[in-house]
Amino acid sequence: MNSNDDELTFSISNLDGKLLCSYKVNKSNEFRIDVSQLKPGIYIGECSNKKNAVLKKLFIKN
């Protein structure tokens, strides 16, 4: 199994669909996402892998 198979791209957008930031995450950084730069609000988090599986979730930052 290639180590890149574990790599995910996590993107954060506002509700208008504007991309705010995007991260490559893998087991080496334990899938940690830094959202400290985001203002309080509602955002869309989108996670995809090399096979284009996509998971979208709304989240709220206080």
N, C-alpha and C. Protein backbone atom coordinates (compact mmCIF):
# COMPACT_ATOMS: atom_id res chain seq x y z
N MET A 1 0.84 -1.19 0.00
CA MET A 1 0.00 0.00 0.00
C MET A 1 0.88 1.24 0.00
N ASN A 2 0.62 2.14 -0.89
CA ASN A 2 1.37 3.38 -1.01
C ASN A 2 0.99 4.32 0.13
N SER A 3 1.96 5.01 0.72
CA SER A 3 1.66 5.92 1.83
C SER A 3 0.78 7.08 1.38
N ASN A 4 0.81 7.42 0.08
CA ASN A 4 -0.04 8.49 -0.43
C ASN A 4 -1.51 8.11 -0.43
N ASP A 5 -1.81 6.80 -0.33
CA ASP A 5 -3.20 6.36 -0.26
C ASP A 5 -3.89 6.89 0.98
N ASP A 6 -3.12 7.18 2.02
CA ASP A 6 -3.67 7.68 3.27
C ASP A 6 -3.83 9.20 3.27
N GLU A 7 -3.33 9.86 2.24
CA GLU A 7 -3.37 11.32 2.20
C GLU A 7 -4.76 11.81 1.82
N LEU A 8 -5.22 12.79 2.55
CA LEU A 8 -6.52 13.42 2.30
C LEU A 8 -6.31 14.90 2.06
N THR A 9 -7.21 15.49 1.34
CA THR A 9 -7.23 16.95 1.20
C THR A 9 -8.46 17.44 1.94
N PHE A 10 -8.25 18.36 2.86
CA PHE A 10 -9.35 18.94 3.62
C PHE A 10 -9.43 20.41 3.26
N SER A 11 -10.57 20.83 2.76
CA SER A 11 -10.77 22.22 2.34
C SER A 11 -11.87 22.85 3.18
N ILE A 12 -11.70 24.13 3.46
CA ILE A 12 -12.69 24.88 4.22
C ILE A 12 -13.18 26.03 3.36
N SER A 13 -14.50 26.13 3.22
CA SER A 13 -15.13 27.19 2.43
C SER A 13 -16.17 27.90 3.28
N ASN A 14 -16.49 29.13 2.88
CA ASN A 14 -17.61 29.80 3.54
C ASN A 14 -18.91 29.32 2.90
N LEU A 15 -20.04 29.77 3.39
CA LEU A 15 -21.33 29.30 2.88
C LEU A 15 -21.61 29.74 1.44
N ASP A 16 -20.88 30.74 0.96
CA ASP A 16 -21.02 31.17 -0.43
C ASP A 16 -20.18 30.31 -1.37
N GLY A 17 -19.42 29.37 -0.81
CA GLY A 17 -18.59 28.48 -1.62
C GLY A 17 -17.19 28.99 -1.89
N LYS A 18 -16.81 30.13 -1.29
CA LYS A 18 -15.46 30.66 -1.48
C LYS A 18 -14.47 29.85 -0.66
N LEU A 19 -13.45 29.29 -1.33
CA LEU A 19 -12.42 28.50 -0.66
C LEU A 19 -11.58 29.40 0.23
N LEU A 20 -11.48 29.05 1.51
CA LEU A 20 -10.70 29.85 2.46
C LEU A 20 -9.33 29.24 2.71
N CYS A 21 -9.26 27.92 2.78
CA CYS A 21 -7.98 27.25 2.98
C CYS A 21 -8.11 25.78 2.62
N SER A 22 -6.97 25.17 2.35
CA SER A 22 -6.94 23.76 1.99
C SER A 22 -5.70 23.14 2.60
N TYR A 23 -5.84 21.94 3.15
CA TYR A 23 -4.74 21.25 3.81
C TYR A 23 -4.57 19.86 3.24
N LYS A 24 -3.33 19.41 3.12
CA LYS A 24 -3.04 17.99 2.89
C LYS A 24 -2.84 17.38 4.26
N VAL A 25 -3.58 16.34 4.56
CA VAL A 25 -3.45 15.69 5.86
C VAL A 25 -3.18 14.20 5.64
N ASN A 26 -2.40 13.61 6.56
CA ASN A 26 -2.12 12.19 6.49
C ASN A 26 -1.84 11.68 7.90
N LYS A 27 -1.47 10.44 8.00
CA LYS A 27 -1.27 9.85 9.33
C LYS A 27 -0.13 10.52 10.09
N SER A 28 0.84 11.09 9.38
CA SER A 28 1.98 11.70 10.07
C SER A 28 1.58 12.94 10.87
N ASN A 29 0.56 13.67 10.43
CA ASN A 29 0.11 14.81 11.22
C ASN A 29 -1.22 14.51 11.91
N GLU A 30 -1.57 13.24 11.95
CA GLU A 30 -2.73 12.75 12.71
C GLU A 30 -4.02 13.46 12.33
N PHE A 31 -4.14 13.87 11.07
CA PHE A 31 -5.36 14.47 10.56
C PHE A 31 -5.78 15.73 11.33
N ARG A 32 -4.84 16.46 11.89
CA ARG A 32 -5.17 17.69 12.63
C ARG A 32 -5.32 18.85 11.66
N ILE A 33 -6.37 19.60 11.87
CA ILE A 33 -6.67 20.76 11.04
C ILE A 33 -6.63 22.00 11.91
N ASP A 34 -5.90 23.02 11.47
CA ASP A 34 -5.81 24.27 12.23
C ASP A 34 -6.86 25.24 11.71
N VAL A 35 -7.85 25.54 12.54
CA VAL A 35 -8.89 26.51 12.16
C VAL A 35 -8.78 27.78 12.99
N SER A 36 -7.64 27.99 13.62
CA SER A 36 -7.47 29.15 14.51
C SER A 36 -7.58 30.48 13.76
N GLN A 37 -7.27 30.49 12.46
CA GLN A 37 -7.33 31.74 11.69
C GLN A 37 -8.74 32.10 11.26
N LEU A 38 -9.70 31.19 11.43
CA LEU A 38 -11.07 31.47 11.01
C LEU A 38 -11.81 32.30 12.05
N LYS A 39 -12.61 33.23 11.56
CA LYS A 39 -13.47 34.00 12.45
C LYS A 39 -14.64 33.11 12.88
N PRO A 40 -15.29 33.43 14.00
CA PRO A 40 -16.49 32.66 14.38
C PRO A 40 -17.52 32.70 13.25
N GLY A 41 -18.12 31.57 12.98
CA GLY A 41 -19.12 31.50 11.91
C GLY A 41 -19.41 30.08 11.51
N ILE A 42 -20.14 29.93 10.41
CA ILE A 42 -20.51 28.62 9.88
C ILE A 42 -19.71 28.40 8.60
N TYR A 43 -19.11 27.23 8.49
CA TYR A 43 -18.25 26.90 7.36
C TYR A 43 -18.60 25.52 6.81
N ILE A 44 -18.12 25.26 5.60
CA ILE A 44 -18.25 23.95 4.98
C ILE A 44 -16.86 23.31 4.96
N GLY A 45 -16.76 22.14 5.57
CA GLY A 45 -15.52 21.36 5.52
C GLY A 45 -15.70 20.25 4.51
N GLU A 46 -14.75 20.09 3.60
CA GLU A 46 -14.84 19.08 2.55
C GLU A 46 -13.57 18.23 2.58
N CYS A 47 -13.74 16.94 2.67
CA CYS A 47 -12.62 16.01 2.75
C CYS A 47 -12.66 15.09 1.54
N SER A 48 -11.54 14.95 0.85
CA SER A 48 -11.48 14.05 -0.30
C SER A 48 -10.16 13.29 -0.30
N ASN A 49 -10.18 12.11 -0.91
CA ASN A 49 -8.97 11.31 -1.01
C ASN A 49 -8.58 11.15 -2.47
N LYS A 50 -7.56 10.36 -2.73
CA LYS A 50 -7.08 10.17 -4.10
C LYS A 50 -8.14 9.56 -5.01
N LYS A 51 -9.09 8.85 -4.43
CA LYS A 51 -10.12 8.20 -5.23
C LYS A 51 -11.35 9.10 -5.39
N ASN A 52 -11.23 10.36 -4.99
CA ASN A 52 -12.28 11.37 -5.15
C ASN A 52 -13.52 11.13 -4.30
N ALA A 53 -13.42 10.34 -3.27
CA ALA A 53 -14.53 10.23 -2.33
C ALA A 53 -14.60 11.54 -1.57
N VAL A 54 -15.78 12.08 -1.44
CA VAL A 54 -15.93 13.40 -0.82
C VAL A 54 -16.91 13.32 0.34
N LEU A 55 -16.54 13.94 1.43
CA LEU A 55 -17.41 14.08 2.59
C LEU A 55 -17.52 15.57 2.88
N LYS A 56 -18.74 16.09 2.90
CA LYS A 56 -18.95 17.51 3.21
C LYS A 56 -19.72 17.61 4.52
N LYS A 57 -19.27 18.52 5.37
CA LYS A 57 -19.92 18.74 6.66
C LYS A 57 -19.97 20.24 6.94
N LEU A 58 -21.08 20.68 7.49
CA LEU A 58 -21.15 22.04 8.01
C LEU A 58 -20.55 22.03 9.40
N PHE A 59 -19.80 23.05 9.75
CA PHE A 59 -19.33 23.16 11.12
C PHE A 59 -19.36 24.61 11.57
N ILE A 60 -19.44 24.78 12.85
CA ILE A 60 -19.51 26.11 13.46
C ILE A 60 -18.25 26.34 14.27
N LYS A 61 -17.61 27.47 14.05
CA LYS A 61 -16.47 27.86 14.88
C LYS A 61 -16.95 28.95 15.82
N ASN A 62 -16.76 28.72 17.12
CA ASN A 62 -17.16 29.72 18.12
C ASN A 62 -16.07 30.74 18.31
